Amino acid sequence: MKKHLLFVGNRFLNNPALQRYAIRSAKEKLGHLEQISYFQDSDNSLFLILDQLLKEKIKLLIITTKNSSAIVGKLLSTITSDNQILKDNMLIPSQTSVFEEGSYLIEYEKAIINVIIATENRNLPSIILEDEKKSAKIHVFDENIPNVKILLEPLATSFDIRLDLVAIVEGWVEVSVQSRKYGNIAQFIAAAKQLLGHKLIATNNVVVYIIEKLSHSHRKITFAESCTGGLLAYFFTHESGASNIFEGSLVTYSNVLKSNWLAVDDAILEKYGAVSLEVVNEMSEGALNVSYADYALAISGIAGPNEGTTEKPVGTVCISARSKDSLKYEQIQLFGDRNYIQEQSALYAIKMLLLLDKELFFKDL
C-alpha cells in the first residue's frame, strides 16, 4: 500500500525542527513514504484532498496540531458518514478502531488512516500504523548504477522484486528493494550477497550499521574536519549508540589549529596547501594519535562558492581514512552548492571508512 504523510497546521511549516522530528518518526515506523503534503490550518482544499485519498488503497498518516485536530476529525467523519464522539477530551470519529492518547486509527474501504496530535517540545504520540515489511534497502560499493542494474535486475526478476537505484556518491549505490505481489525480499538479498560479496551491505541506515559494527568489535572512531565543519560528527552523534564508538571530532578550520592540534607539519602546509593529500594524511594521523580511536577520517576541501583556483577549483576535496595498520586517501572533484559539497564530502569519507576494513564492515553481525 502507498504511504502518505499529511501535515495539518501552520506550526509544522513554521517549526522545521518539529517537522523533521515527525518525518523521522514516520519513516522509522513506516519505512519509505511515497508522498509528504502540508496544509495550513484554514486550507479549504483539505476536504477535497482527504476525500480523494480515502478512495485509494493507502496508509495515510495525518499529523495535526491540537488546534486543527477537531477540524480533521470533522472532515473524516463527514467523508466516512460518521459522527464524532468525545473521548479523553478529544473529538474523534465514532468508528475509530484503535485509540491511544493523542493517536487514533480509522479503517475506511481500502484506506487506513492514523491521526496524531503533535505538540511542540513533547514526545510524538504513538504511530499506530504498521509497515507491511515489504521494502528494504541495500548499499553497493565500488560499483556504478549501470553495473548494479546489470548485476541485480536478473535476480530482481527471479524473486519478483522492484529496484530503485540512486548514486549517493561515486562508488556508492543505494538500492531500494520493494516486493511485488509474490516477492521475497530476504531471498533476494541473500542471493545478492552471494553475487556481490564484499560490496554489499543490507541496512536502511549506513551510519547506524557502522555504529553497530564498531560496538560489537569494541572499536572507536574519530574525525579531523575542515571544510565539513563537524558534519561527519553530526551524522554519527545524530544516531543512538554513538557514545559507544565515537571519540570526538577536531574541527581544524585554520592552518594554525591543523598544526597545533593535529601536529600537521608547517612545512607541508606551506608546500602543498591545506587542501592536499599530504595534509589530510597528517590530519588523520594526528587525530588517531590524540585519541584512543581505532579509525580516523580527515577531510579538507574547498566547499565554495569562492576561494577556488585553476589548480584547485571549488569542489576539490581531499579525504584520508586511516586505521592503525591501513591507509586510504583520495582527492575528488565534487559539484553543487556549498552545502551539497560538504554533505557529499562527509558521505564519501564514510564510504572510504567502509572500504578501509572490508573484513569488519562487510561481514554480517
Protein backbone atom coordinates (compact mmCIF):
# COMPACT_ATOMS: atom_id res chain seq x y z
CA MET A 1 0.00 0.00 0.00
CA LYS A 2 1.11 3.54 -0.74
CA LYS A 3 2.11 5.51 2.36
CA HIS A 4 1.34 9.21 2.57
CA LEU A 5 2.23 11.64 5.38
CA LEU A 6 -0.01 14.67 5.65
CA PHE A 7 0.72 17.62 7.97
CA VAL A 8 -2.15 19.90 9.02
CA GLY A 9 -1.28 23.12 10.84
CA ASN A 10 0.81 26.24 10.38
CA ARG A 11 3.16 25.21 13.18
CA PHE A 12 4.73 22.47 11.06
CA LEU A 13 5.59 24.98 8.35
CA ASN A 14 6.97 27.45 10.91
CA ASN A 15 8.82 24.91 13.05
CA PRO A 16 11.23 22.90 10.86
CA ALA A 17 12.70 21.03 13.86
CA LEU A 18 9.26 19.68 14.84
CA GLN A 19 8.58 18.83 11.20
CA ARG A 20 11.85 16.90 10.86
CA TYR A 21 11.19 15.03 14.13
CA ALA A 22 7.77 13.93 12.87
CA ILE A 23 9.15 12.82 9.49
CA ARG A 24 11.95 10.82 11.15
CA SER A 25 9.42 9.10 13.41
CA ALA A 26 7.14 8.29 10.48
CA LYS A 27 9.96 6.84 8.38
CA GLU A 28 11.28 4.82 11.30
CA LYS A 29 7.87 3.20 11.77
CA LEU A 30 6.62 3.03 8.19
CA GLY A 31 9.74 2.94 6.05
CA HIS A 32 9.59 4.72 2.69
CA LEU A 33 6.93 7.44 2.33
CA GLU A 34 5.65 7.95 -1.20
CA GLN A 35 4.41 11.47 -0.50
CA ILE A 36 4.52 14.19 2.14
CA SER A 37 1.96 17.03 1.99
CA TYR A 38 1.41 20.20 4.03
CA PHE A 39 -1.79 22.10 4.75
CA GLN A 40 -2.33 25.29 6.71
CA ASP A 41 -4.97 25.47 9.44
CA SER A 42 -7.55 27.17 7.23
CA ASP A 43 -6.83 25.44 3.92
CA ASN A 44 -10.19 24.87 2.22
CA SER A 45 -8.74 22.27 -0.16
CA LEU A 46 -8.11 19.78 2.68
CA PHE A 47 -11.60 18.25 2.43
CA LEU A 48 -11.27 17.53 -1.29
CA ILE A 49 -7.78 16.04 -0.85
CA LEU A 50 -8.91 13.78 2.02
CA ASP A 51 -11.99 12.71 0.08
CA GLN A 52 -9.79 11.70 -2.85
CA LEU A 53 -7.17 9.94 -0.71
CA LEU A 54 -9.72 7.85 1.19
CA LYS A 55 -10.90 6.33 -2.10
CA GLU A 56 -7.42 4.87 -2.68
CA LYS A 57 -5.62 1.85 -1.26
CA ILE A 58 -3.45 3.87 1.07
CA LYS A 59 -1.95 4.13 4.51
CA LEU A 60 -2.44 7.75 5.48
CA LEU A 61 -0.68 9.26 8.48
CA ILE A 62 -2.14 12.66 9.43
CA ILE A 63 -0.10 14.68 11.90
CA THR A 64 -2.05 17.68 13.11
CA THR A 65 -1.82 20.39 15.73
CA LYS A 66 -4.29 20.42 18.59
CA ASN A 67 -5.99 23.47 17.09
CA SER A 68 -6.64 21.66 13.81
CA SER A 69 -7.42 18.21 15.24
CA ALA A 70 -11.15 18.92 15.63
CA ILE A 71 -11.40 20.07 12.00
CA VAL A 72 -9.54 16.95 10.81
CA GLY A 73 -11.88 14.72 12.83
CA LYS A 74 -14.94 16.52 11.47
CA LEU A 75 -13.77 16.20 7.86
CA LEU A 76 -13.00 12.49 8.27
CA SER A 77 -16.42 11.93 9.86
CA THR A 78 -18.14 13.74 7.00
CA ILE A 79 -16.29 11.71 4.35
CA THR A 80 -16.94 8.38 6.11
CA SER A 81 -20.56 9.26 7.05
CA ASP A 82 -19.73 9.02 10.72
CA ASN A 83 -20.32 11.06 13.86
CA GLN A 84 -17.78 12.42 16.30
CA ILE A 85 -17.65 11.38 19.94
CA LEU A 86 -15.80 12.84 22.91
CA LYS A 87 -13.08 10.57 24.22
CA ASP A 88 -10.34 11.62 26.63
CA ASN A 89 -11.13 15.27 25.90
CA MET A 90 -10.79 14.65 22.16
CA LEU A 91 -13.44 14.71 19.46
CA ILE A 92 -12.84 11.67 17.26
CA PRO A 93 -14.91 9.66 14.74
CA SER A 94 -17.08 7.06 16.49
CA GLN A 95 -15.83 4.31 14.14
CA THR A 96 -12.28 4.68 15.44
CA SER A 97 -10.87 1.14 15.60
CA VAL A 98 -7.82 1.78 17.78
CA PHE A 99 -7.26 4.66 20.15
CA GLU A 100 -4.28 5.77 22.24
CA GLU A 101 -3.51 9.08 23.87
CA GLY A 102 -3.16 11.59 21.07
CA SER A 103 -3.46 8.99 18.31
CA TYR A 104 -6.35 7.11 16.69
CA LEU A 105 -6.89 4.76 13.73
CA ILE A 106 -9.74 4.60 11.22
CA GLU A 107 -10.28 1.98 8.52
CA TYR A 108 -12.44 3.06 5.61
CA GLU A 109 -12.88 0.96 2.46
CA LYS A 110 -9.31 0.39 1.22
CA ALA A 111 -7.74 3.18 3.27
CA ILE A 112 -6.21 3.05 6.75
CA ILE A 113 -5.88 6.42 8.45
CA ASN A 114 -3.89 7.24 11.59
CA VAL A 115 -4.43 10.71 13.07
CA ILE A 116 -1.80 12.02 15.51
CA ILE A 117 -1.97 15.23 17.51
CA ALA A 118 1.52 16.69 17.86
CA THR A 119 2.63 19.32 20.37
CA GLU A 120 5.85 21.31 20.34
CA ASN A 121 8.55 20.20 22.78
CA ARG A 122 6.71 16.97 23.60
CA ASN A 123 7.13 13.34 22.54
CA LEU A 124 5.15 12.44 19.44
CA PRO A 125 2.17 10.19 20.27
CA SER A 126 2.38 6.57 19.10
CA ILE A 127 2.13 5.84 15.39
CA ILE A 128 -0.41 3.02 15.24
CA LEU A 129 0.00 2.32 11.53
CA GLU A 130 2.34 -0.57 10.74
CA ASP A 131 4.65 -1.15 7.80
CA GLU A 132 3.94 -4.25 5.73
CA LYS A 133 7.68 -5.00 5.79
CA LYS A 134 7.69 -5.30 2.01
CA SER A 135 10.60 -2.98 1.45
CA ALA A 136 14.27 -2.77 2.37
CA LYS A 137 17.47 -1.02 1.37
CA ILE A 138 20.82 -2.37 0.32
CA HIS A 139 24.01 -0.45 -0.40
CA VAL A 140 26.51 -1.48 -3.07
CA PHE A 141 30.05 -0.09 -3.03
CA ASP A 142 32.78 0.10 -5.64
CA GLU A 143 30.16 -0.01 -8.41
CA ASN A 144 28.11 2.42 -10.51
CA ILE A 145 24.39 2.36 -11.27
CA PRO A 146 24.65 0.73 -14.76
CA ASN A 147 26.76 -2.14 -13.39
CA VAL A 148 24.48 -2.65 -10.37
CA LYS A 149 21.47 -2.80 -12.69
CA ILE A 150 23.15 -5.42 -14.86
CA LEU A 151 24.06 -7.49 -11.80
CA LEU A 152 20.84 -7.23 -9.80
CA GLU A 153 17.98 -6.90 -12.27
CA PRO A 154 18.02 -10.60 -13.27
CA LEU A 155 17.82 -11.51 -9.56
CA ALA A 156 15.05 -8.99 -9.04
CA THR A 157 13.04 -10.58 -11.82
CA SER A 158 13.57 -14.06 -10.35
CA PHE A 159 12.37 -13.01 -6.90
CA ASP A 160 9.59 -10.67 -8.09
CA ILE A 161 11.31 -7.57 -6.73
CA ARG A 162 11.30 -3.97 -7.94
CA LEU A 163 14.51 -1.93 -7.62
CA ASP A 164 15.06 1.83 -7.42
CA LEU A 165 18.71 2.91 -7.61
CA VAL A 166 20.37 6.19 -6.63
CA ALA A 167 24.04 7.18 -6.52
CA ILE A 168 24.84 8.60 -3.07
CA VAL A 169 28.39 9.47 -4.10
CA GLU A 170 30.70 7.94 -6.70
CA GLY A 171 31.12 4.26 -5.88
CA TRP A 172 28.13 4.07 -3.51
CA VAL A 173 24.78 3.00 -4.92
CA GLU A 174 21.73 2.84 -2.64
CA VAL A 175 19.12 0.34 -3.82
CA SER A 176 15.52 0.49 -2.58
CA VAL A 177 14.11 -3.02 -2.71
CA GLN A 178 10.34 -3.40 -2.92
CA SER A 179 8.37 -6.61 -3.06
CA ARG A 180 5.87 -7.15 -5.82
CA LYS A 181 2.89 -9.46 -5.34
CA TYR A 182 4.91 -12.66 -4.85
CA GLY A 183 8.26 -11.11 -3.99
CA ASN A 184 10.68 -12.48 -1.43
CA ILE A 185 13.00 -9.75 -0.17
CA ALA A 186 15.01 -11.96 2.20
CA GLN A 187 15.86 -14.46 -0.54
CA PHE A 188 16.71 -11.66 -2.98
CA ILE A 189 19.13 -10.03 -0.51
CA ALA A 190 20.74 -13.38 0.30
CA ALA A 191 21.28 -14.05 -3.42
CA ALA A 192 22.60 -10.52 -3.97
CA LYS A 193 25.13 -11.01 -1.15
CA GLN A 194 26.31 -14.24 -2.75
CA LEU A 195 26.76 -12.41 -6.04
CA LEU A 196 28.40 -9.22 -4.81
CA GLY A 197 30.43 -10.48 -1.85
CA HIS A 198 32.36 -7.73 -0.09
CA LYS A 199 30.49 -4.97 -1.90
CA LEU A 200 27.03 -5.14 -0.38
CA ILE A 201 25.58 -4.02 2.96
CA ALA A 202 21.90 -4.58 3.73
CA THR A 203 20.70 -1.78 6.02
CA ASN A 204 18.32 1.17 5.99
CA ASN A 205 20.91 3.41 7.69
CA VAL A 206 24.63 3.02 6.97
CA VAL A 207 25.75 5.15 9.92
CA VAL A 208 23.68 3.07 12.37
CA TYR A 209 25.18 -0.03 10.77
CA ILE A 210 28.71 1.32 11.32
CA ILE A 211 27.89 2.14 14.95
CA GLU A 212 26.63 -1.42 15.49
CA LYS A 213 29.68 -2.96 13.82
CA LEU A 214 32.15 -0.89 15.83
CA SER A 215 30.21 -1.52 19.05
CA HIS A 216 30.28 -5.28 18.55
CA SER A 217 34.02 -5.23 17.85
CA HIS A 218 34.75 -2.76 20.70
CA ARG A 219 36.37 -0.27 18.36
CA LYS A 220 36.21 3.52 18.18
CA ILE A 221 36.44 6.24 15.59
CA THR A 222 37.50 9.89 15.46
CA PHE A 223 37.47 12.67 12.86
CA ALA A 224 39.53 15.68 11.81
CA GLU A 225 37.36 18.02 9.75
CA SER A 226 38.00 21.25 7.92
CA CYS A 227 35.58 22.12 5.11
CA THR A 228 32.79 19.91 6.56
CA GLY A 229 32.86 21.85 9.84
CA GLY A 230 31.75 18.95 12.04
CA LEU A 231 29.21 17.43 9.65
CA LEU A 232 30.74 13.97 9.98
CA ALA A 233 30.43 14.25 13.75
CA TYR A 234 26.79 15.30 13.34
CA PHE A 235 26.00 12.31 11.14
CA PHE A 236 27.20 9.98 13.89
CA THR A 237 26.04 11.79 17.05
CA HIS A 238 22.63 12.12 15.38
CA GLU A 239 22.20 8.37 15.96
CA SER A 240 21.68 6.49 19.20
CA GLY A 241 24.67 4.47 20.36
CA ALA A 242 27.28 6.90 19.02
CA SER A 243 28.75 7.35 22.52
CA ASN A 244 29.88 3.72 22.42
CA ILE A 245 32.15 4.22 19.43
CA PHE A 246 32.77 7.93 18.80
CA GLU A 247 35.82 9.55 20.41
CA GLY A 248 35.14 13.03 19.02
CA SER A 249 35.96 15.36 16.14
CA LEU A 250 38.51 18.14 15.82
CA VAL A 251 37.27 20.90 13.52
CA THR A 252 40.58 22.42 12.47
CA TYR A 253 39.47 25.10 10.06
CA SER A 254 42.64 27.19 10.24
CA ASN A 255 46.19 26.12 9.45
CA VAL A 256 47.20 27.18 12.95
CA LEU A 257 44.90 24.59 14.53
CA LYS A 258 45.87 21.96 11.98
CA SER A 259 49.42 22.47 13.16
CA ASN A 260 48.80 22.94 16.90
CA TRP A 261 46.05 20.37 17.46
CA LEU A 262 46.92 17.71 14.88
CA ALA A 263 50.69 18.21 14.54
CA VAL A 264 50.47 18.84 10.81
CA ASP A 265 53.93 19.93 9.70
CA ASP A 266 54.07 23.66 8.90
CA ALA A 267 56.45 22.95 6.02
CA ILE A 268 53.91 20.54 4.46
CA LEU A 269 51.12 23.10 4.88
CA GLU A 270 53.28 25.74 3.22
CA LYS A 271 54.43 23.50 0.35
CA TYR A 272 51.19 21.67 -0.53
CA GLY A 273 48.42 23.83 0.95
CA ALA A 274 45.65 22.89 3.37
CA VAL A 275 43.67 21.14 0.62
CA SER A 276 46.11 18.37 -0.24
CA LEU A 277 46.54 14.66 0.28
CA GLU A 278 49.75 15.29 2.21
CA VAL A 279 47.89 17.45 4.74
CA VAL A 280 44.81 15.23 5.21
CA ASN A 281 47.08 12.22 5.76
CA GLU A 282 48.80 14.11 8.56
CA MET A 283 45.41 15.22 9.89
CA SER A 284 44.15 11.64 10.11
CA GLU A 285 47.40 10.54 11.73
CA GLY A 286 47.17 13.38 14.23
CA ALA A 287 43.53 12.57 15.06
CA LEU A 288 44.46 8.95 15.69
CA ASN A 289 47.41 9.95 17.86
CA VAL A 290 45.44 12.30 20.15
CA SER A 291 42.62 9.81 20.71
CA TYR A 292 42.03 6.22 21.72
CA ALA A 293 40.35 5.54 18.39
CA ASP A 294 40.99 2.66 16.01
CA TYR A 295 39.92 4.59 12.89
CA ALA A 296 40.27 8.21 11.83
CA LEU A 297 38.75 10.17 8.96
CA ALA A 298 40.12 13.53 7.82
CA ILE A 299 38.59 15.96 5.31
CA SER A 300 39.89 19.20 3.82
CA GLY A 301 38.45 20.91 0.78
CA ILE A 302 37.06 23.96 -0.98
CA ALA A 303 33.30 24.00 -0.48
CA GLY A 304 32.85 27.37 -2.20
CA PRO A 305 31.30 29.31 -3.64
CA ASN A 306 34.56 31.31 -3.53
CA GLU A 307 38.27 30.63 -2.97
CA GLY A 308 38.75 28.14 -5.78
CA THR A 309 41.75 28.35 -8.10
CA THR A 310 42.64 26.93 -11.51
CA GLU A 311 44.69 24.19 -9.86
CA LYS A 312 42.16 23.57 -7.09
CA PRO A 313 38.67 24.65 -8.19
CA VAL A 314 35.63 24.80 -5.91
CA GLY A 315 34.63 21.24 -5.06
CA THR A 316 38.20 19.97 -4.69
CA VAL A 317 38.17 17.74 -1.60
CA CYS A 318 40.89 15.58 -0.06
CA ILE A 319 39.96 12.73 2.27
CA SER A 320 42.09 10.37 4.35
CA ALA A 321 40.80 7.21 6.03
CA ARG A 322 43.20 5.56 8.44
CA SER A 323 43.29 2.64 10.85
CA LYS A 324 46.23 1.54 12.98
CA ASP A 325 47.53 -0.56 10.08
CA SER A 326 45.85 0.74 6.90
CA LEU A 327 45.58 4.00 5.00
CA LYS A 328 43.39 5.15 2.09
CA TYR A 329 43.39 8.65 0.64
CA GLU A 330 41.74 10.32 -2.33
CA GLN A 331 41.40 13.71 -3.95
CA ILE A 332 37.98 14.09 -5.55
CA GLN A 333 36.12 16.73 -7.51
CA LEU A 334 32.58 17.44 -6.32
CA PHE A 335 29.87 19.70 -7.77
CA GLY A 336 26.91 21.59 -6.37
CA ASP A 337 26.43 24.41 -3.87
CA ARG A 338 28.41 24.74 -0.64
CA ASN A 339 26.14 22.57 1.49
CA TYR A 340 25.84 19.81 -1.11
CA ILE A 341 29.63 19.67 -1.49
CA GLN A 342 30.00 19.45 2.30
CA GLU A 343 27.47 16.64 2.55
CA GLN A 344 28.98 14.70 -0.36
CA SER A 345 32.40 15.05 1.28
CA ALA A 346 31.17 13.54 4.55
CA LEU A 347 29.38 10.70 2.74
CA TYR A 348 32.44 9.95 0.61
CA ALA A 349 34.53 9.73 3.79
CA ILE A 350 32.03 7.25 5.24
CA LYS A 351 32.35 5.16 2.08
CA MET A 352 36.14 5.21 2.41
CA LEU A 353 35.87 4.05 6.03
CA LEU A 354 33.81 1.03 4.97
CA LEU A 355 36.25 0.11 2.22
CA LEU A 356 39.22 0.57 4.55
CA ASP A 357 38.24 -2.52 6.56
CA LYS A 358 36.14 -4.85 4.43
CA GLU A 359 36.67 -7.75 6.83
CA LEU A 360 34.85 -5.86 9.56
CA PHE A 361 32.18 -3.94 7.71
CA PHE A 362 31.11 -6.41 5.04
CA LYS A 363 30.53 -9.40 7.31
CA ASP A 364 27.17 -9.99 8.97
CA LEU A 365 26.82 -9.00 12.58
